[in-house]
């Protein structure tokens, strides 16, 4: 069996605890309040959950930032591709306009030759 006895220290006037066994020998002498207090289960659960949630938020923000950066980069590449397609389409349109002009000139010349042969 273990008993504890509270008494005041004569030198520093702090409350002391002396744990005495049945045989009367002192096992441990401690200053009052210096004993470590254990965390309650609710405190441990709350601390654990807050750590998990904090780690999750930090991870989510990091991943979001990374995906946003990738989307921005992809957007730049899409814009460059779009500009290249636009340039090619414009070149094709100009070529078609030239070919159309040549075709019209050839048709007009052909029509003039046909008219001159008829007369």
C-alpha atoms as a PDB file:
ATOM      1  CA  UNK A   1       0.000   0.000   0.000  1.00  0.00           C
ATOM      2  CA  UNK A   2       1.062   3.509  -0.704  1.00  0.00           C
ATOM      3  CA  UNK A   3       0.225   6.568   1.378  1.00  0.00           C
ATOM      4  CA  UNK A   4       1.167  10.142   0.790  1.00  0.00           C
ATOM      5  CA  UNK A   5       1.765  12.753   3.414  1.00  0.00           C
ATOM      6  CA  UNK A   6       1.599  16.497   2.751  1.00  0.00           C
ATOM      7  CA  UNK A   7       3.882  18.758   4.768  1.00  0.00           C
ATOM      8  CA  UNK A   8       5.523  22.156   4.406  1.00  0.00           C
ATOM      9  CA  UNK A   9       9.235  22.429   3.824  1.00  0.00           C
ATOM     10  CA  UNK A  10      10.852  24.378   6.641  1.00  0.00           C
ATOM     11  CA  UNK A  11      13.395  26.029   4.308  1.00  0.00           C
ATOM     12  CA  UNK A  12      11.325  27.201   1.347  1.00  0.00           C
ATOM     13  CA  UNK A  13       7.795  26.906   2.699  1.00  0.00           C
ATOM     14  CA  UNK A  14       6.615  24.864  -0.311  1.00  0.00           C
ATOM     15  CA  UNK A  15       4.198  22.057   0.149  1.00  0.00           C
ATOM     16  CA  UNK A  16       5.991  18.745  -0.222  1.00  0.00           C
ATOM     17  CA  UNK A  17       4.579  15.284  -0.824  1.00  0.00           C
ATOM     18  CA  UNK A  18       6.221  12.270   0.649  1.00  0.00           C
ATOM     19  CA  UNK A  19       5.024   8.911  -0.581  1.00  0.00           C
ATOM     20  CA  UNK A  20       5.415   6.342   2.190  1.00  0.00           C
ATOM     21  CA  UNK A  21       4.946   2.602   1.909  1.00  0.00           C
ATOM     22  CA  UNK A  22       3.484   0.418   4.640  1.00  0.00           C
ATOM     23  CA  UNK A  23       6.933  -0.233   6.045  1.00  0.00           C
ATOM     24  CA  UNK A  24       7.377   3.531   6.598  1.00  0.00           C
ATOM     25  CA  UNK A  25      10.237   4.232   4.177  1.00  0.00           C
ATOM     26  CA  UNK A  26       9.916   7.267   1.903  1.00  0.00           C
ATOM     27  CA  UNK A  27       9.904   6.391  -1.814  1.00  0.00           C
ATOM     28  CA  UNK A  28       9.700   9.766  -3.484  1.00  0.00           C
ATOM     29  CA  UNK A  29       9.670  13.367  -2.414  1.00  0.00           C
ATOM     30  CA  UNK A  30       8.259  15.912  -4.899  1.00  0.00           C
ATOM     31  CA  UNK A  31       7.369  19.549  -4.855  1.00  0.00           C
ATOM     32  CA  UNK A  32       3.649  20.063  -5.205  1.00  0.00           C
ATOM     33  CA  UNK A  33       2.714  20.925  -8.774  1.00  0.00           C
ATOM     34  CA  UNK A  34       5.877  19.500 -10.336  1.00  0.00           C
ATOM     35  CA  UNK A  35       4.159  16.228 -11.159  1.00  0.00           C
ATOM     36  CA  UNK A  36       3.445  15.865 -14.889  1.00  0.00           C
ATOM     37  CA  UNK A  37      -0.220  15.905 -15.725  1.00  0.00           C
ATOM     38  CA  UNK A  38      -1.543  13.536 -18.352  1.00  0.00           C
ATOM     39  CA  UNK A  39      -3.674  14.741 -21.243  1.00  0.00           C
ATOM     40  CA  UNK A  40      -7.266  13.602 -21.249  1.00  0.00           C
ATOM     41  CA  UNK A  41      -8.535  11.421 -24.070  1.00  0.00           C
ATOM     42  CA  UNK A  42     -10.686  14.261 -25.418  1.00  0.00           C
ATOM     43  CA  UNK A  43      -7.623  16.526 -25.517  1.00  0.00           C
ATOM     44  CA  UNK A  44      -5.621  13.909 -27.375  1.00  0.00           C
ATOM     45  CA  UNK A  45      -8.411  13.345 -29.889  1.00  0.00           C
ATOM     46  CA  UNK A  46      -8.826  17.097 -30.417  1.00  0.00           C
ATOM     47  CA  UNK A  47      -5.089  17.588 -30.898  1.00  0.00           C
ATOM     48  CA  UNK A  48      -4.875  14.657 -33.292  1.00  0.00           C
ATOM     49  CA  UNK A  49      -7.840  15.821 -35.344  1.00  0.00           C
ATOM     50  CA  UNK A  50      -6.531  19.375 -35.528  1.00  0.00           C
ATOM     51  CA  UNK A  51      -3.150  18.081 -36.751  1.00  0.00           C
ATOM     52  CA  UNK A  52      -4.807  15.894 -39.384  1.00  0.00           C
ATOM     53  CA  UNK A  53      -7.090  18.714 -40.568  1.00  0.00           C
ATOM     54  CA  UNK A  54      -4.168  21.166 -40.702  1.00  0.00           C
ATOM     55  CA  UNK A  55      -2.058  18.720 -42.708  1.00  0.00           C
ATOM     56  CA  UNK A  56      -5.017  18.118 -45.039  1.00  0.00           C
ATOM     57  CA  UNK A  57      -5.572  21.835 -45.612  1.00  0.00           C
ATOM     58  CA  UNK A  58      -1.893  22.435 -46.323  1.00  0.00           C
ATOM     59  CA  UNK A  59      -1.824  19.510 -48.755  1.00  0.00           C
ATOM     60  CA  UNK A  60      -5.008  20.679 -50.504  1.00  0.00           C
ATOM     61  CA  UNK A  61      -3.696  24.227 -50.924  1.00  0.00           C
ATOM     62  CA  UNK A  62      -0.388  22.909 -52.297  1.00  0.00           C
ATOM     63  CA  UNK A  63      -2.135  20.620 -54.790  1.00  0.00           C
ATOM     64  CA  UNK A  64      -4.544  23.397 -55.846  1.00  0.00           C
ATOM     65  CA  UNK A  65      -1.638  25.770 -56.445  1.00  0.00           C
ATOM     66  CA  UNK A  66       0.161  23.131 -58.489  1.00  0.00           C
ATOM     67  CA  UNK A  67      -2.903  22.346 -60.631  1.00  0.00           C
ATOM     68  CA  UNK A  68      -3.589  26.060 -61.200  1.00  0.00           C
ATOM     69  CA  UNK A  69      -0.015  26.517 -62.419  1.00  0.00           C
ATOM     70  CA  UNK A  70      -0.402  23.578 -64.802  1.00  0.00           C
ATOM     71  CA  UNK A  71      -3.689  24.987 -66.132  1.00  0.00           C
ATOM     72  CA  UNK A  72      -2.037  28.366 -66.747  1.00  0.00           C
ATOM     73  CA  UNK A  73       0.804  26.681 -68.638  1.00  0.00           C
ATOM     74  CA  UNK A  74      -1.651  24.634 -70.707  1.00  0.00           C
ATOM     75  CA  UNK A  75      -3.570  27.818 -71.478  1.00  0.00           C
ATOM     76  CA  UNK A  76      -0.427  29.435 -72.870  1.00  0.00           C
ATOM     77  CA  UNK A  77       0.235  26.404 -75.095  1.00  0.00           C
ATOM     78  CA  UNK A  78      -3.392  26.411 -76.306  1.00  0.00           C
ATOM     79  CA  UNK A  79      -3.104  30.108 -77.153  1.00  0.00           C
ATOM     80  CA  UNK A  80       0.078  29.499 -79.138  1.00  0.00           C
ATOM     81  CA  UNK A  81      -1.594  26.647 -81.038  1.00  0.00           C
ATOM     82  CA  UNK A  82      -4.653  28.804 -81.711  1.00  0.00           C
ATOM     83  CA  UNK A  83      -2.485  31.623 -83.025  1.00  0.00           C
ATOM     84  CA  UNK A  84      -0.635  29.172 -85.300  1.00  0.00           C
ATOM     85  CA  UNK A  85      -3.931  27.805 -86.673  1.00  0.00           C
ATOM     86  CA  UNK A  86      -5.162  31.360 -87.211  1.00  0.00           C
ATOM     87  CA  UNK A  87      -1.973  32.228 -89.123  1.00  0.00           C
ATOM     88  CA  UNK A  88      -2.326  29.096 -91.302  1.00  0.00           C
ATOM     89  CA  UNK A  89      -6.005  29.836 -91.970  1.00  0.00           C
ATOM     90  CA  UNK A  90      -5.153  33.395 -92.949  1.00  0.00           C
ATOM     91  CA  UNK A  91      -2.426  32.188 -95.317  1.00  0.00           C
ATOM     92  CA  UNK A  92      -4.848  29.665 -96.874  1.00  0.00           C
ATOM     93  CA  UNK A  93      -7.497  32.363 -97.239  1.00  0.00           C
ATOM     94  CA  UNK A  94      -5.037  34.671 -98.995  1.00  0.00           C
ATOM     95  CA  UNK A  95      -3.967  31.821-101.291  1.00  0.00           C
ATOM     96  CA  UNK A  96      -7.607  31.020-102.073  1.00  0.00           C
ATOM     97  CA  UNK A  97      -8.252  34.704-102.821  1.00  0.00           C
ATOM     98  CA  UNK A  98      -5.303  34.734-105.250  1.00  0.00           C
ATOM     99  CA  UNK A  99      -6.470  31.533-106.913  1.00  0.00           C
ATOM    100  CA  UNK A 100     -10.002  32.922-107.177  1.00  0.00           C
ATOM    101  CA  UNK A 101      -8.642  36.090-108.784  1.00  0.00           C
ATOM    102  CA  UNK A 102      -6.576  34.032-111.257  1.00  0.00           C
ATOM    103  CA  UNK A 103      -9.604  31.849-112.038  1.00  0.00           C
ATOM    104  CA  UNK A 104     -11.801  34.918-112.671  1.00  0.00           C
ATOM    105  CA  UNK A 105      -9.156  36.444-114.941  1.00  0.00           C
ATOM    106  CA  UNK A 106      -8.871  33.165-116.859  1.00  0.00           C
ATOM    107  CA  UNK A 107     -12.666  32.916-117.160  1.00  0.00           C
ATOM    108  CA  UNK A 108     -12.924  36.525-118.370  1.00  0.00           C
ATOM    109  CA  UNK A 109     -10.144  35.894-120.915  1.00  0.00           C
ATOM    110  CA  UNK A 110     -11.842  32.671-121.998  1.00  0.00           C
ATOM    111  CA  UNK A 111     -15.161  34.512-122.340  1.00  0.00           C
ATOM    112  CA  UNK A 112     -13.518  37.241-124.415  1.00  0.00           C
ATOM    113  CA  UNK A 113     -11.878  34.647-126.675  1.00  0.00           C
ATOM    114  CA  UNK A 114     -15.178  32.822-127.085  1.00  0.00           C
ATOM    115  CA  UNK A 115     -16.931  36.105-127.897  1.00  0.00           C
ATOM    116  CA  UNK A 116     -14.268  37.076-130.401  1.00  0.00           C
ATOM    117  CA  UNK A 117     -14.526  33.669-132.097  1.00  0.00           C
ATOM    118  CA  UNK A 118     -18.292  33.945-132.343  1.00  0.00           C
ATOM    119  CA  UNK A 119     -18.159  37.271-134.062  1.00  0.00           C
END
